[in-house]
Protein backbone atom coordinates (compact mmCIF):
# COMPACT_ATOMS: atom_id res chain seq x y z
CA MET A 1 1.53 -14.90 3.67
CA LEU A 2 0.49 -12.06 1.99
CA LYS A 3 3.02 -10.09 0.50
CA ILE A 4 4.38 -7.26 2.33
CA SER A 5 6.74 -4.04 1.73
CA GLY A 6 9.01 -2.75 4.14
CA LEU A 7 9.60 0.95 4.81
CA ILE A 8 12.40 2.87 6.74
CA ILE A 9 13.35 6.70 6.95
CA THR A 10 17.04 7.24 8.03
CA PHE A 11 19.75 9.50 8.57
CA ASN A 12 22.95 8.66 9.71
CA GLU A 13 21.78 5.19 10.99
CA ALA A 14 24.64 3.00 9.67
CA HIS A 15 24.86 1.69 13.45
CA ASN A 16 21.31 0.42 12.90
CA ILE A 17 20.12 -0.33 9.39
CA VAL A 18 21.62 -3.55 8.72
CA GLU A 19 19.99 -5.20 11.61
CA CYS A 20 16.83 -3.42 11.16
CA LEU A 21 16.57 -4.51 7.35
CA ARG A 22 17.48 -8.15 8.13
CA SER A 23 14.67 -7.98 10.96
CA MET A 24 12.37 -6.94 8.21
CA LYS A 25 13.30 -9.21 5.53
CA GLN A 26 11.98 -12.12 7.87
CA VAL A 27 8.33 -10.74 6.28
CA CYS A 28 9.18 -8.56 3.64
CA ASP A 29 10.23 -9.32 0.05
CA ASP A 30 10.69 -5.47 -0.71
CA ILE A 31 11.95 -2.74 1.24
CA VAL A 32 12.23 0.98 0.64
CA VAL A 33 14.64 3.25 2.61
CA VAL A 34 14.08 7.28 2.58
CA ASP A 35 17.54 8.43 3.50
CA SER A 36 17.61 12.15 4.56
CA CYS A 37 21.21 12.48 3.02
CA SER A 38 23.41 10.73 5.32
CA SER A 39 26.99 11.55 5.88
CA ASP A 40 27.75 7.87 6.89
CA ASN A 41 27.58 4.75 5.10
CA THR A 42 23.97 4.18 5.75
CA VAL A 43 23.09 4.10 2.26
CA GLU A 44 25.81 1.76 0.98
CA LEU A 45 24.79 -0.73 3.60
CA ALA A 46 20.91 -0.60 2.70
CA LYS A 47 21.77 -1.40 -0.57
CA GLN A 48 24.20 -4.31 0.35
CA GLU A 49 20.84 -5.73 2.08
CA GLY A 50 18.93 -5.09 -0.89
CA ALA A 51 16.84 -2.54 -0.30
CA THR A 52 15.62 0.34 -2.77
CA VAL A 53 17.00 3.50 -1.55
CA ILE A 54 15.27 6.98 -2.17
CA SER A 55 17.33 10.22 -1.32
CA GLN A 56 15.26 12.86 -0.01
CA PRO A 57 16.23 16.02 2.15
CA PHE A 58 14.18 15.78 5.39
CA LEU A 59 10.39 16.90 4.76
CA GLY A 60 9.24 16.22 8.31
CA ASP A 61 8.32 12.88 9.90
CA GLY A 62 5.05 12.37 8.45
CA PRO A 63 6.09 13.55 4.62
CA GLN A 64 9.11 11.89 4.74
CA ARG A 65 7.39 8.70 5.14
CA SER A 66 4.90 9.13 2.65
CA VAL A 67 8.10 9.99 -0.02
CA GLY A 68 8.44 6.07 0.04
CA LEU A 69 4.98 4.80 -0.27
CA PRO A 70 4.75 5.23 -4.09
CA HIS A 71 7.89 2.98 -4.32
CA CYS A 72 6.56 0.56 -2.18
CA ARG A 73 5.44 -2.54 -4.45
CA HIS A 74 2.66 -3.87 -2.34
CA ASP A 75 -0.62 -2.62 -0.84
CA TRP A 76 0.45 -3.52 2.59
CA VAL A 77 3.36 -1.86 4.40
CA LEU A 78 5.44 -2.45 7.42
CA ASN A 79 6.83 0.72 8.57
CA LEU A 80 9.86 0.72 11.12
CA ASP A 81 12.21 3.04 12.48
CA ALA A 82 15.82 1.87 12.07
CA ASP A 83 16.19 1.39 15.88
CA GLU A 84 12.85 -0.94 16.09
CA ARG A 85 12.93 -4.59 15.57
CA LEU A 86 10.54 -7.31 15.01
CA GLU A 87 10.11 -9.84 17.56
CA ASP A 88 9.17 -13.33 16.98
CA ASP A 89 5.61 -13.33 18.00
CA LEU A 90 5.28 -10.33 15.32
CA VAL A 91 6.98 -12.43 13.07
CA ALA A 92 4.89 -15.44 13.30
CA TYR A 93 1.62 -13.26 12.96
CA LEU A 94 2.59 -11.54 9.56
CA LYS A 95 3.48 -15.19 8.56
CA ASP A 96 0.40 -16.71 9.35
CA THR A 97 -2.22 -14.00 9.09
CA ASP A 98 -3.80 -12.98 5.54
CA LEU A 99 -3.90 -9.13 6.20
CA SER A 100 -6.33 -8.63 3.23
CA GLN A 101 -8.87 -10.27 5.27
CA GLN A 102 -8.82 -8.49 8.26
CA ASN A 103 -11.24 -6.06 7.62
CA VAL A 104 -8.82 -2.94 8.55
CA SER A 105 -6.74 -0.75 7.11
CA ALA A 106 -4.12 -0.66 10.07
CA ILE A 107 -2.79 -3.00 12.73
CA GLU A 108 -1.26 -1.54 16.01
CA THR A 109 1.12 -3.64 17.95
CA ARG A 110 2.76 -3.44 21.25
CA ARG A 111 6.01 -1.82 21.64
CA ARG A 112 9.08 -2.55 24.21
CA ASN A 113 10.85 0.67 24.57
CA TYR A 114 14.69 0.47 25.72
CA ILE A 115 17.22 3.15 27.68
CA GLY A 116 20.37 1.14 26.73
CA ASN A 117 19.62 -2.36 27.65
CA GLN A 118 16.80 -1.87 30.15
CA THR A 119 12.89 -1.72 29.64
CA THR A 120 9.89 -0.94 31.75
CA ARG A 121 6.16 -1.10 31.90
CA PHE A 122 6.08 2.11 33.36
CA ALA A 123 5.82 5.83 32.30
CA GLY A 124 3.89 4.81 29.42
CA GLN A 125 6.86 2.40 28.11
CA TYR A 126 4.63 -0.41 27.71
CA PRO A 127 2.53 -1.67 26.07
CA ASP A 128 2.90 1.41 24.15
CA TYR A 129 0.67 0.76 20.90
CA VAL A 130 1.80 1.94 17.34
CA ARG A 131 0.56 1.84 14.00
CA ARG A 132 3.19 0.41 11.95
CA ILE A 133 1.41 -2.23 9.74
CA PHE A 134 -1.43 -0.59 7.13
CA ASN A 135 -2.76 -0.81 3.38
CA LYS A 136 -1.27 2.27 1.71
CA THR A 137 -4.29 2.37 -0.88
CA GLN A 138 -6.26 3.58 2.11
CA VAL A 139 -4.37 5.46 4.47
CA ASP A 140 -1.45 7.51 4.83
CA PHE A 141 0.85 9.28 7.51
CA SER A 142 -0.31 12.53 9.19
CA PRO A 143 1.33 15.17 7.59
CA VAL A 144 3.59 16.56 10.61
CA SER A 145 7.09 17.21 11.77
CA ALA A 146 7.41 14.79 14.09
CA HIS A 147 5.72 11.75 15.83
CA THR A 148 3.40 10.91 12.65
CA LYS A 149 1.14 8.14 12.71
CA ILE A 150 -1.17 6.36 10.28
CA GLN A 151 -4.55 7.91 9.89
CA SER A 152 -7.05 5.48 10.25
CA HIS A 153 -10.52 4.76 12.00
CA SER A 154 -10.33 0.86 10.88
CA LEU A 155 -7.83 -0.55 13.50
CA LYS A 156 -7.13 -3.62 14.80
CA LYS A 157 -4.92 -4.30 17.78
CA ILE A 158 -2.89 -7.44 18.35
CA PRO A 159 -0.73 -8.69 21.21
CA ALA A 160 2.48 -9.02 19.27
CA HIS A 161 5.74 -7.04 20.04
CA ILE A 162 8.03 -4.65 18.43
CA THR A 163 11.55 -3.71 20.36
CA HIS A 164 12.48 -0.07 20.10
CA TYR A 165 15.98 1.09 21.10
CA SER A 166 14.62 4.36 22.03
CA TYR A 167 17.70 5.97 23.97
CA LYS A 168 21.07 4.96 24.31
CA ASP A 169 21.18 6.49 27.63
CA TYR A 170 19.82 9.32 30.15
CA PRO A 171 21.84 12.31 28.14
CA ASP A 172 20.02 10.88 24.73
CA ILE A 173 16.51 11.19 26.34
CA PHE A 174 17.01 14.74 26.83
CA LYS A 175 18.88 15.48 23.57
CA ARG A 176 15.86 13.57 21.54
CA ALA A 177 13.49 15.61 23.83
CA CYS A 178 14.79 18.99 22.69
CA LEU A 179 14.95 17.52 19.22
CA TYR A 180 11.45 16.74 18.94
CA GLY A 181 10.02 19.51 20.93
CA THR A 182 11.72 21.76 18.25
CA TRP A 183 10.13 19.87 15.41
CA GLN A 184 6.82 19.95 16.83
CA ALA A 185 6.95 23.33 17.74
CA GLN A 186 7.75 24.27 13.98
CA THR A 187 4.56 22.54 12.96
CA ILE A 188 2.32 24.31 15.68
CA ALA A 189 3.83 27.77 14.85
CA LYS A 190 2.71 27.59 10.97
CA THR A 191 -0.96 26.77 12.51
CA ASN A 192 -3.57 29.19 13.79
CA LYS A 193 -3.39 27.14 17.06
CA LYS A 194 -4.23 29.74 20.11
CA ILE A 195 -1.15 29.60 22.64
CA GLY A 196 -1.27 31.37 25.92
CA PRO A 197 1.60 32.68 27.87
CA LEU A 198 0.92 29.98 30.33
CA THR A 199 0.55 27.28 27.90
CA PRO A 200 4.22 25.99 28.08
CA GLY A 201 4.29 25.72 31.80
CA PHE A 202 0.74 24.28 32.03
CA HIS A 203 1.73 21.32 29.36
CA CYS A 204 5.17 20.84 31.04
CA LEU A 205 3.79 20.48 34.15
CA PHE A 206 0.84 18.05 33.00
CA SER A 207 3.11 15.90 30.84
CA PHE A 208 5.46 14.99 33.88
CA LEU A 209 2.61 14.29 36.27
CA LYS A 210 0.86 12.05 33.59
CA HIS A 211 3.93 10.16 32.98
CA TYR A 212 5.25 10.07 36.57
CA VAL A 213 2.15 9.81 38.69
CA ILE A 214 -0.64 8.86 36.58
CA LYS A 215 1.38 6.08 34.24
CA LEU A 216 3.37 5.35 37.53
CA GLY A 217 6.73 6.28 36.34
CA PHE A 218 7.93 6.59 40.06
CA LEU A 219 7.83 2.72 40.11
CA ALA A 220 10.66 2.61 37.75
CA GLY A 221 13.26 4.60 39.47
CA HIS A 222 15.52 6.71 37.54
CA ASP A 223 14.35 5.24 34.41
CA GLY A 224 10.78 6.54 35.00
CA LEU A 225 11.91 10.06 36.44
CA ALA A 226 14.38 10.32 33.27
CA ILE A 227 11.66 9.49 30.79
CA SER A 228 8.96 11.65 32.85
CA LEU A 229 11.45 14.84 32.63
CA GLY A 230 12.02 14.21 28.99
CA LYS A 231 8.51 14.15 28.17
CA ALA A 232 7.95 17.38 30.02
CA ILE A 233 10.86 19.09 28.54
CA ALA A 234 9.54 18.01 25.08
CA SER A 235 6.25 19.65 25.56
CA TYR A 236 7.53 22.43 27.13
CA ILE A 237 9.85 23.30 24.24
CA LYS A 238 6.73 22.58 21.89
CA TYR A 239 4.83 25.37 22.84
CA ALA A 240 7.40 27.88 24.37
CA HIS A 241 9.62 27.58 21.19
CA ALA A 242 6.39 27.91 18.93
CA ILE A 243 5.82 31.25 20.83
CA GLU A 244 9.40 32.48 19.91
CA LEU A 245 8.90 31.22 16.05
CA ARG A 246 5.67 33.39 15.91
CA ARG A 247 7.23 36.20 17.59
CA ASN A 248 10.40 36.28 15.61
CA LYS A 249 8.07 35.83 12.26
CA ASN A 250 6.51 39.07 13.35
């Protein structure tokens, strides 16, 4: 098995960090936690589990993760969020595979997303491929405030899984939609991207139809509707708040 470093960013993740680290330690002998000045005992718990902890005020999703890369001892890195866990098939793949012989710079895995203890394959929730395994000498995270991903054109998709405890409940869906939409708006507001008066409404409507109709969210009952509405709200805030930020700046 090729040696792999683990990387996690955290903020007040005491309820998640131990299980996440123990999941990663099945395949990682080196784990770096970049913590955004948590006020709970996330840092203490991470250190107790043997992680290297770096304290860094939040820079945005992509830049925050990039801060940890120089501290990772190995070229290949497994990046998880604190609410994610490795499933047995991914653990087996990483133990049995020499990543350096795959002729790629990043690997995408499937992800199962949960609301509480429920999961669905509708509304874009599965297989939801994510880029979580990569060679840090060849690629880096996109420098965005929310929903960063590894920038790589040399990829391999595998049918192994990560479990993602995405939302605690329905209110958490909308809380996160507002948070992520706000972060994305801050990124867009700093660019020269043109945003017309109809842009927020158009993207809101398209996002809802995409998840509820095209991705069959309507087959998932209340879960599908809540997810689709959450995606639509995040999309609306992303563009409407960007307009607001530009207006207030002027």
